[in-house]
N, C-alpha and C. Protein backbone atom coordinates (compact mmCIF):
# COMPACT_ATOMS: atom_id res chain seq x y z
N MET A 1 -32.97 5.10 -53.18
CA MET A 1 -32.05 6.06 -52.26
C MET A 1 -32.12 5.84 -50.91
N LYS A 2 -33.30 5.62 -50.36
CA LYS A 2 -33.52 5.33 -48.93
C LYS A 2 -32.85 4.06 -48.50
N GLY A 3 -33.03 2.85 -49.50
CA GLY A 3 -32.42 1.76 -49.04
C GLY A 3 -30.87 1.89 -49.16
N LEU A 4 -30.43 2.66 -50.05
CA LEU A 4 -28.73 2.77 -49.97
C LEU A 4 -28.31 3.39 -48.82
N LEU A 5 -29.11 4.50 -48.31
CA LEU A 5 -28.76 5.22 -47.04
C LEU A 5 -28.86 4.36 -45.82
N ILE A 6 -29.84 3.61 -45.73
CA ILE A 6 -29.98 2.51 -44.66
C ILE A 6 -28.81 1.57 -44.66
N ALA A 7 -28.42 1.19 -45.92
CA ALA A 7 -27.35 0.00 -45.89
C ALA A 7 -26.06 0.85 -45.63
N LEU A 8 -25.81 2.02 -45.87
CA LEU A 8 -24.59 2.70 -45.37
C LEU A 8 -24.57 3.00 -43.95
N LEU A 9 -25.48 3.26 -43.46
CA LEU A 9 -25.62 3.50 -41.91
C LEU A 9 -25.40 2.08 -41.17
N LEU A 10 -26.04 0.99 -41.51
CA LEU A 10 -25.78 -0.21 -41.07
C LEU A 10 -24.25 -0.72 -41.21
N ALA A 11 -23.69 -0.37 -42.33
CA ALA A 11 -22.18 -0.78 -42.52
C ALA A 11 -21.22 0.06 -41.52
N TRP A 12 -21.82 1.49 -41.53
CA TRP A 12 -20.93 2.38 -40.64
C TRP A 12 -21.04 1.84 -39.08
N SER A 13 -22.31 1.50 -38.68
CA SER A 13 -22.57 0.95 -37.39
C SER A 13 -21.71 -0.15 -37.06
N ALA A 14 -21.68 -0.98 -37.99
CA ALA A 14 -20.94 -2.27 -37.93
C ALA A 14 -19.40 -2.14 -37.71
N THR A 15 -19.01 -1.31 -38.50
CA THR A 15 -17.67 -0.87 -38.58
C THR A 15 -17.33 -0.21 -37.04
N THR A 16 -17.97 0.57 -36.70
CA THR A 16 -17.86 1.28 -35.29
C THR A 16 -18.02 0.32 -34.31
N ALA A 17 -18.90 -0.63 -34.32
CA ALA A 17 -19.19 -1.65 -33.15
C ALA A 17 -17.87 -2.65 -33.06
N CYS A 18 -17.21 -2.85 -34.30
CA CYS A 18 -16.08 -3.72 -34.21
C CYS A 18 -14.88 -3.22 -33.86
N TRP A 19 -14.91 -1.84 -33.94
CA TRP A 19 -13.40 -1.22 -33.73
C TRP A 19 -13.25 -1.10 -32.22
N ALA A 20 -12.20 -1.23 -31.69
CA ALA A 20 -11.91 -1.16 -30.34
C ALA A 20 -10.17 -0.92 -30.09
N ALA A 21 -9.96 -0.14 -29.36
CA ALA A 21 -8.50 -0.03 -29.10
C ALA A 21 -7.86 -1.31 -28.84
N PRO A 22 -6.67 -1.73 -29.12
CA PRO A 22 -6.07 -2.91 -29.06
C PRO A 22 -5.73 -3.16 -27.41
N ASP A 23 -5.71 -4.47 -27.10
CA ASP A 23 -5.36 -5.06 -25.92
C ASP A 23 -3.75 -5.27 -25.80
N ILE A 24 -3.17 -4.57 -24.96
CA ILE A 24 -1.72 -4.34 -24.82
C ILE A 24 -1.05 -4.98 -23.54
N ARG A 25 -0.09 -5.71 -23.69
CA ARG A 25 0.74 -6.14 -22.54
C ARG A 25 2.21 -6.23 -22.81
N VAL A 26 3.05 -5.75 -21.71
CA VAL A 26 4.56 -5.54 -22.08
C VAL A 26 5.20 -6.79 -21.58
N HIS A 27 5.91 -7.43 -22.41
CA HIS A 27 6.55 -8.70 -22.17
C HIS A 27 8.19 -8.62 -21.98
N GLY A 28 8.65 -7.34 -22.66
CA GLY A 28 10.08 -7.22 -22.51
C GLY A 28 10.45 -5.81 -22.79
N LEU A 29 11.47 -5.37 -22.15
CA LEU A 29 11.75 -3.95 -22.31
C LEU A 29 13.46 -3.77 -22.55
N PHE A 30 13.61 -3.00 -23.38
CA PHE A 30 15.13 -2.73 -23.81
C PHE A 30 15.43 -1.51 -24.18
N GLY A 31 16.59 -0.97 -24.27
CA GLY A 31 17.09 0.41 -24.58
C GLY A 31 16.58 0.46 -25.95
N GLY A 32 15.44 1.32 -26.23
CA GLY A 32 15.02 1.60 -27.56
C GLY A 32 14.14 0.70 -28.32
N SER A 33 13.74 -0.46 -27.55
CA SER A 33 12.75 -1.49 -28.19
C SER A 33 12.17 -2.05 -27.09
N ALA A 34 10.92 -2.67 -27.48
CA ALA A 34 9.92 -3.36 -26.42
C ALA A 34 9.34 -4.62 -27.14
N VAL A 35 9.05 -5.60 -26.41
CA VAL A 35 8.44 -6.75 -26.82
C VAL A 35 6.96 -6.56 -26.19
N LEU A 36 6.04 -6.45 -27.10
CA LEU A 36 4.68 -6.31 -26.66
C LEU A 36 3.71 -7.49 -27.15
N VAL A 37 2.76 -7.88 -26.44
CA VAL A 37 1.63 -8.74 -26.92
C VAL A 37 0.44 -7.86 -27.17
N ILE A 38 0.04 -7.76 -28.48
CA ILE A 38 -1.05 -6.95 -28.85
C ILE A 38 -2.21 -7.67 -29.42
N ASN A 39 -3.50 -7.81 -28.83
CA ASN A 39 -4.46 -8.57 -29.16
C ASN A 39 -4.02 -10.10 -29.27
N GLY A 40 -3.13 -10.34 -28.34
CA GLY A 40 -2.63 -11.93 -28.38
C GLY A 40 -1.52 -12.22 -29.29
N LYS A 41 -1.02 -11.32 -30.14
CA LYS A 41 0.13 -11.48 -31.11
C LYS A 41 1.37 -10.75 -30.47
N GLN A 42 2.40 -11.53 -30.34
CA GLN A 42 3.64 -10.85 -29.91
C GLN A 42 4.25 -9.83 -30.99
N ARG A 43 4.72 -8.77 -30.73
CA ARG A 43 5.31 -7.80 -31.58
C ARG A 43 6.60 -7.34 -30.81
N LEU A 44 7.65 -7.25 -31.69
CA LEU A 44 8.93 -6.49 -31.32
C LEU A 44 8.80 -5.14 -32.04
N LEU A 45 8.81 -4.24 -31.18
CA LEU A 45 8.89 -2.77 -31.91
C LEU A 45 10.10 -2.12 -31.39
N LYS A 46 10.53 -1.46 -32.40
CA LYS A 46 11.79 -0.51 -32.16
C LYS A 46 11.22 1.01 -32.06
N LYS A 47 12.01 1.74 -31.67
CA LYS A 47 11.80 3.37 -31.37
C LYS A 47 11.12 3.77 -32.65
N GLY A 48 10.04 4.27 -32.66
CA GLY A 48 9.26 5.01 -33.94
C GLY A 48 8.57 4.05 -34.70
N GLN A 49 8.78 2.75 -34.41
CA GLN A 49 7.86 1.76 -35.24
C GLN A 49 6.43 1.71 -34.75
N THR A 50 5.44 1.20 -35.78
CA THR A 50 4.09 1.21 -35.52
C THR A 50 3.78 -0.35 -35.89
N SER A 51 3.02 -0.91 -35.02
CA SER A 51 2.43 -2.36 -35.13
C SER A 51 1.34 -2.39 -36.18
N PRO A 52 1.07 -3.44 -36.75
CA PRO A 52 -0.11 -3.63 -37.49
C PRO A 52 -1.49 -3.14 -36.86
N GLU A 53 -1.43 -3.26 -35.57
CA GLU A 53 -2.59 -2.82 -34.89
C GLU A 53 -2.76 -1.43 -34.61
N GLY A 54 -1.66 -0.57 -34.96
CA GLY A 54 -1.68 0.71 -34.89
C GLY A 54 -1.10 1.25 -33.50
N VAL A 55 -0.19 0.39 -32.94
CA VAL A 55 0.34 0.92 -31.61
C VAL A 55 1.77 1.26 -32.00
N THR A 56 1.96 2.54 -31.47
CA THR A 56 3.51 3.07 -31.90
C THR A 56 4.32 3.26 -30.73
N LEU A 57 5.69 2.74 -30.83
CA LEU A 57 6.45 2.84 -29.62
C LEU A 57 7.31 4.07 -29.87
N ILE A 58 7.05 5.14 -28.84
CA ILE A 58 7.58 6.39 -28.84
C ILE A 58 8.94 6.21 -28.42
N GLU A 59 9.23 5.78 -27.43
CA GLU A 59 10.50 5.43 -26.73
C GLU A 59 10.44 4.19 -25.59
N ALA A 60 11.48 3.73 -25.34
CA ALA A 60 11.66 2.64 -24.42
C ALA A 60 13.05 2.50 -23.66
N ASP A 61 12.91 2.04 -22.42
CA ASP A 61 14.19 1.89 -21.57
C ASP A 61 14.06 0.55 -20.93
N SER A 62 14.93 0.38 -19.98
CA SER A 62 14.65 -1.12 -19.32
C SER A 62 13.57 -0.91 -18.16
N ARG A 63 13.04 0.18 -17.97
CA ARG A 63 11.90 0.43 -17.00
C ARG A 63 10.50 0.38 -17.62
N GLN A 64 10.38 1.13 -18.74
CA GLN A 64 9.01 1.34 -19.21
C GLN A 64 8.87 1.71 -20.74
N ALA A 65 7.90 1.51 -21.53
CA ALA A 65 7.70 1.94 -22.77
C ALA A 65 6.48 2.89 -22.92
N LEU A 66 6.84 3.90 -23.77
CA LEU A 66 6.08 5.05 -23.87
C LEU A 66 5.41 4.66 -25.23
N LEU A 67 4.01 4.44 -25.22
CA LEU A 67 3.23 3.97 -26.54
C LEU A 67 2.29 5.14 -26.77
N GLU A 68 1.90 5.07 -28.03
CA GLU A 68 0.82 6.08 -28.64
C GLU A 68 -0.04 4.99 -29.38
N VAL A 69 -1.26 5.28 -29.00
CA VAL A 69 -2.57 4.61 -29.68
C VAL A 69 -3.66 5.51 -29.82
N GLU A 70 -3.94 5.67 -31.04
CA GLU A 70 -5.21 6.51 -31.28
C GLU A 70 -4.92 7.95 -30.75
N GLY A 71 -3.74 8.33 -30.97
CA GLY A 71 -3.52 9.68 -30.53
C GLY A 71 -3.16 9.94 -29.07
N LYS A 72 -3.44 8.71 -28.12
CA LYS A 72 -3.27 8.90 -26.85
C LYS A 72 -1.82 8.36 -26.45
N ARG A 73 -1.39 8.75 -25.49
CA ARG A 73 0.01 8.17 -25.05
C ARG A 73 0.02 7.48 -23.54
N MET A 74 0.60 6.54 -23.54
CA MET A 74 0.68 5.95 -22.17
C MET A 74 1.99 5.18 -21.99
N SER A 75 2.40 5.13 -20.73
CA SER A 75 3.52 4.47 -20.11
C SER A 75 3.19 3.43 -19.50
N LEU A 76 3.80 2.23 -19.98
CA LEU A 76 3.66 0.74 -19.35
C LEU A 76 4.91 0.23 -18.96
N GLY A 77 5.15 -0.33 -17.81
CA GLY A 77 6.24 -1.16 -17.24
C GLY A 77 5.97 -2.50 -17.73
N LEU A 78 7.00 -3.17 -17.30
CA LEU A 78 7.19 -4.70 -17.54
C LEU A 78 5.90 -5.44 -16.95
N SER A 79 5.26 -6.20 -17.82
CA SER A 79 4.05 -7.17 -17.49
C SER A 79 2.83 -6.19 -17.25
N GLU A 80 2.93 -4.87 -17.32
CA GLU A 80 1.73 -4.02 -17.28
C GLU A 80 0.88 -4.24 -18.34
N HIS A 81 -0.41 -4.13 -18.05
CA HIS A 81 -1.53 -4.62 -19.15
C HIS A 81 -2.48 -3.34 -19.33
N ILE A 82 -2.66 -3.15 -20.48
CA ILE A 82 -3.98 -2.13 -20.86
C ILE A 82 -4.90 -2.63 -21.61
N SER A 83 -6.17 -2.72 -21.10
CA SER A 83 -7.21 -3.52 -21.95
C SER A 83 -7.88 -2.66 -22.88
N SER A 84 -8.72 -3.07 -23.84
CA SER A 84 -9.20 -2.40 -24.99
C SER A 84 -9.94 -1.23 -24.72
N SER A 85 -10.35 -0.79 -23.37
CA SER A 85 -10.87 0.25 -23.00
C SER A 85 -9.94 1.25 -22.50
N PHE A 86 -8.72 1.07 -22.63
CA PHE A 86 -7.82 1.90 -21.97
C PHE A 86 -7.85 1.98 -20.61
N LYS A 87 -8.17 0.88 -19.85
CA LYS A 87 -8.41 0.88 -18.49
C LYS A 87 -7.14 -0.28 -17.90
N ALA A 88 -6.63 -0.10 -16.74
CA ALA A 88 -5.63 -1.18 -16.27
C ALA A 88 -6.46 -2.31 -16.05
N ALA A 89 -5.88 -3.54 -16.16
CA ALA A 89 -6.39 -4.69 -15.89
C ALA A 89 -6.88 -4.59 -14.42
N GLU A 90 -7.99 -5.50 -14.02
CA GLU A 90 -8.54 -5.44 -12.70
C GLU A 90 -7.56 -5.74 -11.57
N VAL A 91 -6.78 -6.90 -12.03
CA VAL A 91 -5.72 -7.45 -11.16
C VAL A 91 -4.27 -7.11 -11.72
N ALA A 92 -3.86 -6.24 -10.94
CA ALA A 92 -2.35 -5.79 -11.43
C ALA A 92 -1.47 -6.99 -11.20
N GLU A 93 -0.50 -7.27 -12.29
CA GLU A 93 0.27 -8.42 -12.29
C GLU A 93 1.54 -7.79 -12.74
N VAL A 94 2.84 -8.36 -12.02
CA VAL A 94 4.00 -8.13 -12.40
C VAL A 94 4.77 -9.86 -12.53
N ARG A 95 5.42 -9.96 -13.61
CA ARG A 95 6.09 -11.19 -14.01
C ARG A 95 7.59 -10.95 -13.80
N ILE A 96 8.36 -11.69 -13.08
CA ILE A 96 9.70 -11.44 -12.75
C ILE A 96 10.56 -12.76 -13.16
N PRO A 97 11.28 -12.81 -14.13
CA PRO A 97 12.16 -14.09 -14.50
C PRO A 97 13.19 -14.10 -13.70
N ARG A 98 13.53 -15.47 -13.30
CA ARG A 98 14.76 -15.61 -12.36
C ARG A 98 15.96 -15.19 -13.09
N ALA A 99 16.91 -14.61 -12.39
CA ALA A 99 18.34 -14.28 -13.07
C ALA A 99 19.17 -15.46 -13.23
N ASP A 100 20.16 -15.29 -13.90
CA ASP A 100 21.24 -16.52 -13.85
C ASP A 100 21.85 -16.81 -12.59
N ASN A 101 21.84 -15.82 -11.55
CA ASN A 101 22.50 -16.36 -10.33
C ASN A 101 21.30 -16.82 -9.36
N GLY A 102 20.14 -17.09 -9.85
CA GLY A 102 19.27 -17.77 -9.08
C GLY A 102 18.24 -16.83 -8.43
N HIS A 103 18.61 -15.48 -8.42
CA HIS A 103 17.68 -14.48 -7.55
C HIS A 103 16.71 -13.96 -8.56
N TYR A 104 15.72 -13.30 -7.87
CA TYR A 104 14.78 -12.49 -8.69
C TYR A 104 15.01 -11.13 -8.49
N LEU A 105 15.16 -10.52 -9.58
CA LEU A 105 15.69 -8.98 -9.73
C LEU A 105 14.63 -8.25 -10.38
N VAL A 106 13.98 -7.04 -9.84
CA VAL A 106 13.14 -6.20 -10.48
C VAL A 106 13.41 -4.83 -10.17
N SER A 107 13.07 -3.92 -11.30
CA SER A 107 13.24 -2.50 -11.04
C SER A 107 11.86 -2.03 -10.51
N GLY A 108 11.98 -0.90 -9.69
CA GLY A 108 10.89 -0.28 -9.20
C GLY A 108 11.23 1.18 -8.78
N PHE A 109 10.12 1.65 -7.96
CA PHE A 109 10.39 3.11 -7.46
C PHE A 109 9.85 3.07 -6.02
N ILE A 110 10.70 3.94 -5.27
CA ILE A 110 10.46 4.35 -3.93
C ILE A 110 10.20 5.76 -3.82
N ASN A 111 9.09 6.19 -3.49
CA ASN A 111 8.60 7.61 -3.54
C ASN A 111 9.07 8.38 -4.76
N GLY A 112 8.90 7.54 -5.98
CA GLY A 112 8.96 8.00 -7.21
C GLY A 112 10.38 7.95 -7.74
N ARG A 113 11.41 7.49 -6.93
CA ARG A 113 12.73 7.39 -7.29
C ARG A 113 13.13 6.10 -7.77
N PRO A 114 13.76 5.85 -8.89
CA PRO A 114 14.14 4.57 -9.47
C PRO A 114 15.04 3.66 -8.58
N VAL A 115 14.68 2.40 -8.38
CA VAL A 115 15.48 1.55 -7.38
C VAL A 115 15.61 0.13 -8.06
N ASP A 116 16.64 -0.68 -7.91
CA ASP A 116 16.65 -2.06 -8.39
C ASP A 116 16.50 -2.88 -7.12
N PHE A 117 15.48 -3.87 -7.00
CA PHE A 117 15.28 -4.66 -5.87
C PHE A 117 15.73 -6.09 -6.10
N MET A 118 16.23 -6.72 -4.97
CA MET A 118 16.18 -8.19 -5.03
C MET A 118 15.05 -8.87 -3.96
N ILE A 119 14.25 -9.78 -4.51
CA ILE A 119 13.27 -10.36 -3.93
C ILE A 119 14.01 -11.11 -2.76
N ASP A 120 13.44 -10.98 -1.48
CA ASP A 120 14.10 -11.81 -0.38
C ASP A 120 12.92 -12.15 0.47
N THR A 121 12.42 -13.32 0.28
CA THR A 121 11.26 -13.72 1.05
C THR A 121 11.78 -14.03 2.64
N GLY A 122 13.12 -14.03 2.91
CA GLY A 122 13.46 -14.18 4.34
C GLY A 122 13.73 -12.91 4.97
N ALA A 123 13.60 -11.82 4.37
CA ALA A 123 13.61 -10.48 5.08
C ALA A 123 12.12 -10.06 5.48
N THR A 124 12.14 -9.58 6.67
CA THR A 124 10.68 -9.19 7.24
C THR A 124 10.31 -8.01 6.70
N SER A 125 10.95 -7.10 6.05
CA SER A 125 10.69 -5.79 5.58
C SER A 125 11.45 -5.26 4.31
N ILE A 126 11.14 -4.36 3.76
CA ILE A 126 12.12 -3.74 2.64
C ILE A 126 13.37 -3.44 3.55
N ALA A 127 14.72 -3.74 2.96
CA ALA A 127 15.83 -3.36 3.56
C ALA A 127 16.80 -2.77 2.83
N MET A 128 17.36 -1.94 3.38
CA MET A 128 18.33 -0.96 2.49
C MET A 128 19.47 -0.47 3.36
N ASN A 129 20.53 -0.08 3.04
CA ASN A 129 21.68 0.51 3.50
C ASN A 129 21.48 2.01 3.74
N LEU A 130 22.24 2.63 4.40
CA LEU A 130 22.28 4.10 4.61
C LEU A 130 22.22 4.78 3.37
N HIS A 131 23.21 4.38 2.37
CA HIS A 131 23.34 5.10 1.15
C HIS A 131 22.16 5.14 0.33
N HIS A 132 21.56 3.86 0.27
CA HIS A 132 20.38 3.63 -0.54
C HIS A 132 19.36 4.74 0.00
N ALA A 133 19.20 4.89 1.29
CA ALA A 133 18.15 5.61 1.98
C ALA A 133 18.26 7.15 1.63
N GLU A 134 19.66 7.63 1.58
CA GLU A 134 19.84 9.00 1.27
C GLU A 134 19.64 9.18 -0.10
N GLN A 135 19.94 8.29 -1.17
CA GLN A 135 19.64 8.50 -2.54
C GLN A 135 18.09 8.54 -2.74
N LEU A 136 17.34 7.65 -2.04
CA LEU A 136 15.88 7.62 -2.21
C LEU A 136 15.13 8.49 -1.61
N GLY A 137 15.72 9.43 -0.71
CA GLY A 137 15.18 10.31 -0.12
C GLY A 137 14.18 9.87 1.17
N VAL A 138 14.64 8.82 1.70
CA VAL A 138 13.98 8.09 2.82
C VAL A 138 14.51 8.97 4.12
N ASN A 139 13.56 9.63 4.78
CA ASN A 139 13.92 10.35 6.05
C ASN A 139 13.86 9.37 7.14
N PHE A 140 14.91 8.41 7.30
CA PHE A 140 14.84 7.29 8.18
C PHE A 140 15.20 7.73 9.66
N ARG A 141 15.91 8.94 9.85
CA ARG A 141 16.04 9.35 11.15
C ARG A 141 14.73 9.82 11.94
N GLN A 142 13.72 10.05 11.35
CA GLN A 142 12.46 10.04 12.17
C GLN A 142 11.84 8.82 12.48
N GLY A 143 12.45 7.63 12.06
CA GLY A 143 11.94 6.33 12.29
C GLY A 143 12.31 5.92 13.65
N LYS A 144 11.99 4.64 13.89
CA LYS A 144 12.15 3.97 15.20
C LYS A 144 13.54 3.28 15.15
N LYS A 145 14.43 3.92 16.18
CA LYS A 145 15.77 3.30 16.20
C LYS A 145 15.86 1.89 16.84
N SER A 146 16.72 1.04 16.16
CA SER A 146 16.85 -0.21 16.72
C SER A 146 18.22 -0.79 16.60
N VAL A 147 18.62 -1.89 16.74
CA VAL A 147 19.92 -2.65 16.32
C VAL A 147 19.68 -4.14 15.75
N ALA A 148 20.59 -4.57 14.93
CA ALA A 148 20.32 -5.69 14.41
C ALA A 148 21.61 -6.54 14.24
N SER A 149 21.77 -7.95 14.10
CA SER A 149 22.92 -8.48 14.05
C SER A 149 23.20 -8.95 12.65
N THR A 150 24.43 -8.59 12.11
CA THR A 150 24.76 -9.10 10.81
C THR A 150 26.14 -9.84 11.03
N ALA A 151 26.57 -10.42 9.67
CA ALA A 151 27.91 -11.07 9.79
C ALA A 151 28.99 -10.15 10.28
N GLY A 152 28.97 -8.81 10.29
CA GLY A 152 29.81 -7.96 10.59
C GLY A 152 29.78 -7.32 12.09
N GLY A 153 28.82 -7.97 12.85
CA GLY A 153 28.43 -7.58 14.09
C GLY A 153 27.29 -6.87 14.21
N MET A 154 27.04 -6.13 15.32
CA MET A 154 25.83 -5.51 15.78
C MET A 154 25.78 -4.25 15.03
N VAL A 155 24.86 -3.73 14.30
CA VAL A 155 24.66 -2.50 13.66
C VAL A 155 23.37 -1.78 13.92
N SER A 156 23.26 -0.51 13.81
CA SER A 156 22.27 0.47 14.15
C SER A 156 21.28 0.23 12.89
N THR A 157 19.93 0.32 13.25
CA THR A 157 18.90 0.38 12.16
C THR A 157 17.83 1.31 12.56
N TYR A 158 17.14 1.65 11.59
CA TYR A 158 15.83 2.49 11.94
C TYR A 158 14.85 1.83 11.16
N GLN A 159 13.55 1.83 11.60
CA GLN A 159 12.41 1.22 11.07
C GLN A 159 11.51 2.60 10.63
N VAL A 160 11.21 2.58 9.38
CA VAL A 160 10.40 3.69 8.90
C VAL A 160 9.42 3.23 7.73
N PRO A 161 8.19 3.77 7.59
CA PRO A 161 7.57 3.62 6.61
C PRO A 161 7.95 4.31 5.31
N VAL A 162 7.78 3.72 4.27
CA VAL A 162 8.06 4.20 2.87
C VAL A 162 6.60 4.57 2.41
N ASP A 163 6.59 5.77 1.99
CA ASP A 163 5.23 6.44 1.58
C ASP A 163 4.79 5.81 0.50
N LYS A 164 5.50 5.52 -0.54
CA LYS A 164 4.84 4.76 -1.82
C LYS A 164 6.09 4.00 -2.29
N LEU A 165 5.55 2.56 -2.64
CA LEU A 165 6.52 1.71 -3.54
C LEU A 165 5.85 1.05 -4.54
N THR A 166 6.38 1.24 -5.68
CA THR A 166 5.68 0.74 -6.88
C THR A 166 6.80 -0.34 -7.60
N ILE A 167 6.18 -1.47 -7.99
CA ILE A 167 6.75 -2.56 -8.73
C ILE A 167 5.77 -2.71 -10.03
N GLY A 168 6.04 -2.36 -11.11
CA GLY A 168 5.49 -2.50 -12.45
C GLY A 168 4.23 -1.65 -12.25
N ASN A 169 3.05 -2.46 -12.47
CA ASN A 169 1.80 -1.67 -12.05
C ASN A 169 1.09 -1.86 -10.86
N ILE A 170 1.95 -2.41 -9.76
CA ILE A 170 1.46 -2.60 -8.45
C ILE A 170 2.06 -1.43 -7.54
N THR A 171 1.40 -0.59 -6.87
CA THR A 171 1.73 0.43 -5.99
C THR A 171 1.15 -0.01 -4.51
N LEU A 172 2.09 0.32 -3.61
CA LEU A 172 1.41 0.16 -2.27
C LEU A 172 2.04 1.37 -1.34
N HIS A 173 1.14 1.71 -0.34
CA HIS A 173 1.58 3.03 0.33
C HIS A 173 1.96 2.45 1.69
N GLN A 174 2.63 3.28 2.51
CA GLN A 174 3.00 3.00 3.94
C GLN A 174 3.53 1.58 4.13
N VAL A 175 4.67 1.22 3.39
CA VAL A 175 5.34 -0.11 3.38
C VAL A 175 6.52 0.06 4.34
N GLU A 176 6.65 -0.82 5.44
CA GLU A 176 7.69 -0.73 6.38
C GLU A 176 8.88 -1.11 5.70
N ALA A 177 9.96 -0.33 6.31
CA ALA A 177 11.32 -0.49 5.66
C ALA A 177 12.44 -0.39 6.82
N THR A 178 13.28 -1.12 6.69
CA THR A 178 14.49 -1.00 7.64
C THR A 178 15.64 -0.40 6.93
N VAL A 179 16.35 0.54 7.56
CA VAL A 179 17.47 1.27 7.11
C VAL A 179 18.56 0.91 7.97
N VAL A 180 19.60 0.18 7.36
CA VAL A 180 20.77 -0.17 8.24
C VAL A 180 22.06 0.75 8.01
N ILE A 181 22.58 1.24 9.19
CA ILE A 181 23.49 2.24 9.28
C ILE A 181 24.97 1.58 8.74
N GLY A 182 25.14 1.70 7.54
CA GLY A 182 26.30 0.92 7.09
C GLY A 182 26.13 0.67 5.58
N ASP A 183 26.97 -0.32 5.02
CA ASP A 183 27.06 -0.70 3.67
C ASP A 183 26.18 -1.95 3.30
N PHE A 184 25.70 -2.66 4.39
CA PHE A 184 24.80 -3.76 4.12
C PHE A 184 23.30 -3.47 4.25
N PRO A 185 22.31 -3.94 3.43
CA PRO A 185 22.88 -4.90 2.24
C PRO A 185 23.09 -4.10 1.15
N SER A 186 23.98 -4.80 0.27
CA SER A 186 24.54 -4.07 -0.98
C SER A 186 23.39 -3.67 -1.94
N GLN A 187 22.25 -4.70 -1.92
CA GLN A 187 21.11 -4.07 -2.90
C GLN A 187 19.97 -4.24 -1.92
N VAL A 188 18.94 -3.27 -2.38
CA VAL A 188 17.80 -3.06 -1.75
C VAL A 188 16.89 -4.34 -1.85
N LEU A 189 16.49 -4.74 -0.56
CA LEU A 189 15.78 -6.02 -0.63
C LEU A 189 14.31 -5.89 -0.54
N LEU A 190 13.54 -6.51 -1.36
CA LEU A 190 12.16 -6.46 -1.36
C LEU A 190 11.53 -7.50 -0.42
N GLY A 191 11.35 -7.25 0.72
CA GLY A 191 10.95 -8.16 1.81
C GLY A 191 9.55 -8.46 2.27
N ASN A 192 9.15 -8.84 3.16
CA ASN A 192 7.86 -9.25 3.33
C ASN A 192 6.83 -8.31 3.71
N SER A 193 7.32 -7.24 4.13
CA SER A 193 6.16 -5.95 4.35
C SER A 193 5.71 -5.59 3.18
N PHE A 194 6.13 -5.88 1.97
CA PHE A 194 5.63 -5.60 0.62
C PHE A 194 5.00 -6.94 0.14
N LEU A 195 5.88 -8.20 0.27
CA LEU A 195 5.33 -9.28 -0.37
C LEU A 195 4.07 -9.89 0.33
N SER A 196 3.85 -9.69 1.63
CA SER A 196 2.67 -10.13 2.30
C SER A 196 1.44 -9.43 1.82
N ARG A 197 1.44 -8.42 1.35
CA ARG A 197 0.35 -7.52 0.76
C ARG A 197 0.00 -7.92 -0.58
N VAL A 198 0.68 -8.63 -1.16
CA VAL A 198 0.38 -9.17 -2.76
C VAL A 198 0.37 -10.68 -2.64
N GLU A 199 -0.28 -11.26 -3.69
CA GLU A 199 -0.21 -12.54 -4.00
C GLU A 199 0.95 -13.04 -4.77
N MET A 200 1.72 -14.00 -4.32
CA MET A 200 2.92 -14.29 -4.90
C MET A 200 3.01 -15.91 -5.34
N THR A 201 3.40 -16.11 -6.40
CA THR A 201 3.52 -17.48 -6.98
C THR A 201 4.62 -17.54 -7.95
N GLU A 202 5.06 -18.88 -8.10
CA GLU A 202 6.27 -19.19 -8.96
C GLU A 202 5.78 -20.27 -10.27
N GLU A 203 6.09 -19.67 -11.24
CA GLU A 203 5.59 -20.32 -12.61
C GLU A 203 6.75 -20.82 -13.49
N GLU A 204 7.37 -21.86 -13.32
CA GLU A 204 8.55 -22.40 -14.23
C GLU A 204 9.49 -21.25 -14.28
N GLY A 205 10.24 -20.81 -13.07
CA GLY A 205 11.09 -19.87 -12.98
C GLY A 205 10.82 -18.39 -13.09
N VAL A 206 9.65 -18.07 -13.10
CA VAL A 206 8.97 -16.71 -12.89
C VAL A 206 8.29 -16.33 -11.90
N MET A 207 8.77 -15.33 -11.15
CA MET A 207 7.89 -15.01 -9.82
C MET A 207 6.82 -14.16 -10.48
N VAL A 208 5.56 -14.42 -9.94
CA VAL A 208 4.51 -13.74 -10.51
C VAL A 208 3.89 -13.00 -9.18
N LEU A 209 3.75 -11.76 -9.22
CA LEU A 209 3.02 -10.81 -8.10
C LEU A 209 1.87 -10.41 -8.52
N ARG A 210 0.77 -10.44 -7.79
CA ARG A 210 -0.53 -9.97 -8.08
C ARG A 210 -1.12 -9.21 -7.01
N THR A 211 -1.99 -8.15 -7.22
CA THR A 211 -2.49 -7.57 -6.26
C THR A 211 -3.58 -8.23 -5.65
N LYS A 212 -3.88 -7.91 -4.21
CA LYS A 212 -4.97 -8.81 -3.65
C LYS A 212 -6.19 -7.81 -3.65
N PHE A 213 -7.39 -8.45 -3.69
CA PHE A 213 -8.64 -7.64 -3.63
C PHE A 213 -9.67 -8.24 -2.82
């Protein structure tokens, strides 16, 4: 009887030691579905589906996926990674495929509000027009007033720090932005005030951004 009890305890200990929460990375996001890499295997999950590894997709859109694992819920954006201990990977990484028009486009957040960016390595800072700034709640009139030359002539601008800017699982604070009083640029530009604070590489048509340590 004693030998049987020891054997059962050893089997329970081995099972416990082998069990760990899955390693999850988001590779694609769509309305109602997500492409995940779970423990190295790619899985396409639709809303409500559970993978063989026990990962359930609660909901998904183009910005993030809400997952449930072992009764815990977590939200992950594109290229975000959760390790088997439910801790974010040491180096935050965002992978951005090149669009058909040759530009790199990525969704993110400014001060918690959603925004679509175009990466522009020629822009010295985050750049947006007056309407973007108003929509994003950027209090630009408290910034430093200046002027800039555009194809349409000289325009007034304001230099102002953005409190919080998030791309995927990369978040930076106090990022310099330029607000142009007018309709230019038509899309918010992710310029060097952000890009210079991350590691940036290009791999076969994919822009890779990583945090610096």
